[in-house]
Amino acid sequence: MLFDKREIAIEIRFAENPGSVKAYADLTLTFSDGQLQLIGFAIIEHPGKDLYVAFPQNRGRNRYFPVVAAKGDLHEEIVNEVMRAYKHARERK
């Protein structure tokens, strides 16, 4: 597999006026031959619902359009790492 060996670094940016969006996360995936930055994940919590991670998206006229998507184990790994980084950053805040 091309991406066997990778590292994930995550930067958490807390929302200035938190409503449903609590923070944003930027990921850097480091591979043996370079890096890939994914910017603009949102950590969201609606009243009475669980916290979740939304992948970056652009607003269209009538809906949002995904900028980046992941499936399978990679999707789960990204969501878990973002949540872990967010909880760690919140504890240090």
Protein backbone atom coordinates (compact mmCIF):
# COMPACT_ATOMS: atom_id res chain seq x y z
CA MET A 1 0.00 0.00 0.00
CA LEU A 2 1.27 3.46 -0.89
CA PHE A 3 0.34 5.04 2.46
CA ASP A 4 1.41 2.27 4.84
CA LYS A 5 3.59 4.44 7.02
CA ARG A 6 1.94 7.68 8.01
CA GLU A 7 1.85 10.01 10.96
CA ILE A 8 -1.02 12.32 11.82
CA ALA A 9 -0.44 15.69 13.48
CA ILE A 10 -3.46 17.76 14.46
CA GLU A 11 -3.77 21.44 15.33
CA ILE A 12 -6.92 22.49 17.21
CA ARG A 13 -8.25 26.05 16.87
CA PHE A 14 -11.08 26.91 19.28
CA ALA A 15 -13.99 28.87 17.81
CA GLU A 16 -13.92 32.55 18.79
CA ASN A 17 -17.68 32.64 19.40
CA PRO A 18 -18.58 29.01 20.03
CA GLY A 19 -22.13 28.02 19.22
CA SER A 20 -22.60 24.60 17.73
CA VAL A 21 -19.08 24.76 16.28
CA LYS A 22 -16.72 24.36 19.22
CA ALA A 23 -13.42 24.24 17.34
CA TYR A 24 -11.66 23.59 14.06
CA ALA A 25 -8.95 21.06 13.34
CA ASP A 26 -6.21 21.02 10.72
CA LEU A 27 -4.45 17.73 9.95
CA THR A 28 -1.03 17.06 8.57
CA LEU A 29 -0.51 13.55 7.27
CA THR A 30 3.19 12.78 6.94
CA PHE A 31 4.25 9.97 4.63
CA SER A 32 7.70 8.68 3.80
CA ASP A 33 7.81 10.86 0.69
CA GLY A 34 5.96 14.04 1.73
CA GLN A 35 3.06 15.64 3.56
CA LEU A 36 -0.62 16.28 2.94
CA GLN A 37 -2.43 19.03 4.83
CA LEU A 38 -6.19 18.85 5.35
CA ILE A 39 -7.54 22.13 6.70
CA GLY A 40 -10.94 22.97 8.13
CA PHE A 41 -12.43 20.02 10.01
CA ALA A 42 -15.14 21.24 12.40
CA ILE A 43 -15.87 19.87 15.85
CA ILE A 44 -19.60 20.34 16.36
CA GLU A 45 -22.00 19.81 19.25
CA HIS A 46 -25.70 20.52 18.92
CA PRO A 47 -27.73 20.87 22.13
CA GLY A 48 -28.66 17.45 23.47
CA LYS A 49 -26.54 15.59 20.91
CA ASP A 50 -23.08 14.03 20.89
CA LEU A 51 -19.98 15.84 19.75
CA TYR A 52 -18.94 14.96 16.18
CA VAL A 53 -16.35 15.78 13.54
CA ALA A 54 -17.45 17.26 10.22
CA PHE A 55 -15.05 16.97 7.29
CA PRO A 56 -14.18 20.19 5.40
CA GLN A 57 -16.90 21.46 3.09
CA ASN A 58 -17.77 24.53 1.01
CA ARG A 59 -21.11 26.27 1.12
CA GLY A 60 -23.04 26.24 -2.12
CA ARG A 61 -26.23 28.08 -2.99
CA ASN A 62 -28.54 25.42 -1.56
CA ARG A 63 -26.25 22.93 0.18
CA TYR A 64 -22.73 22.17 1.31
CA PHE A 65 -20.21 20.38 -0.92
CA PRO A 66 -17.44 18.16 0.49
CA VAL A 67 -13.88 19.33 -0.03
CA VAL A 68 -12.32 16.09 1.13
CA ALA A 69 -13.75 12.72 2.13
CA ALA A 70 -12.41 9.51 3.59
CA LYS A 71 -13.92 6.05 3.87
CA GLY A 72 -13.37 2.95 5.93
CA ASP A 73 -10.60 2.68 8.50
CA LEU A 74 -8.98 5.95 7.41
CA HIS A 75 -12.21 7.87 8.12
CA GLU A 76 -12.47 6.31 11.57
CA GLU A 77 -8.80 6.99 12.31
CA ILE A 78 -9.14 10.67 11.36
CA VAL A 79 -12.32 11.16 13.42
CA ASN A 80 -10.82 9.40 16.45
CA GLU A 81 -7.56 11.37 16.28
CA VAL A 82 -9.39 14.72 15.90
CA MET A 83 -11.64 13.91 18.87
CA ARG A 84 -8.65 12.85 20.96
CA ALA A 85 -6.75 16.05 20.09
CA TYR A 86 -9.81 18.21 20.81
CA LYS A 87 -10.41 16.63 24.22
CA HIS A 88 -6.72 16.99 25.09
CA ALA A 89 -6.69 20.67 24.01
CA ARG A 90 -9.88 21.37 25.95
CA GLU A 91 -8.36 19.90 29.11
CA ARG A 92 -5.32 22.17 28.74
CA LYS A 93 -7.42 25.27 28.07
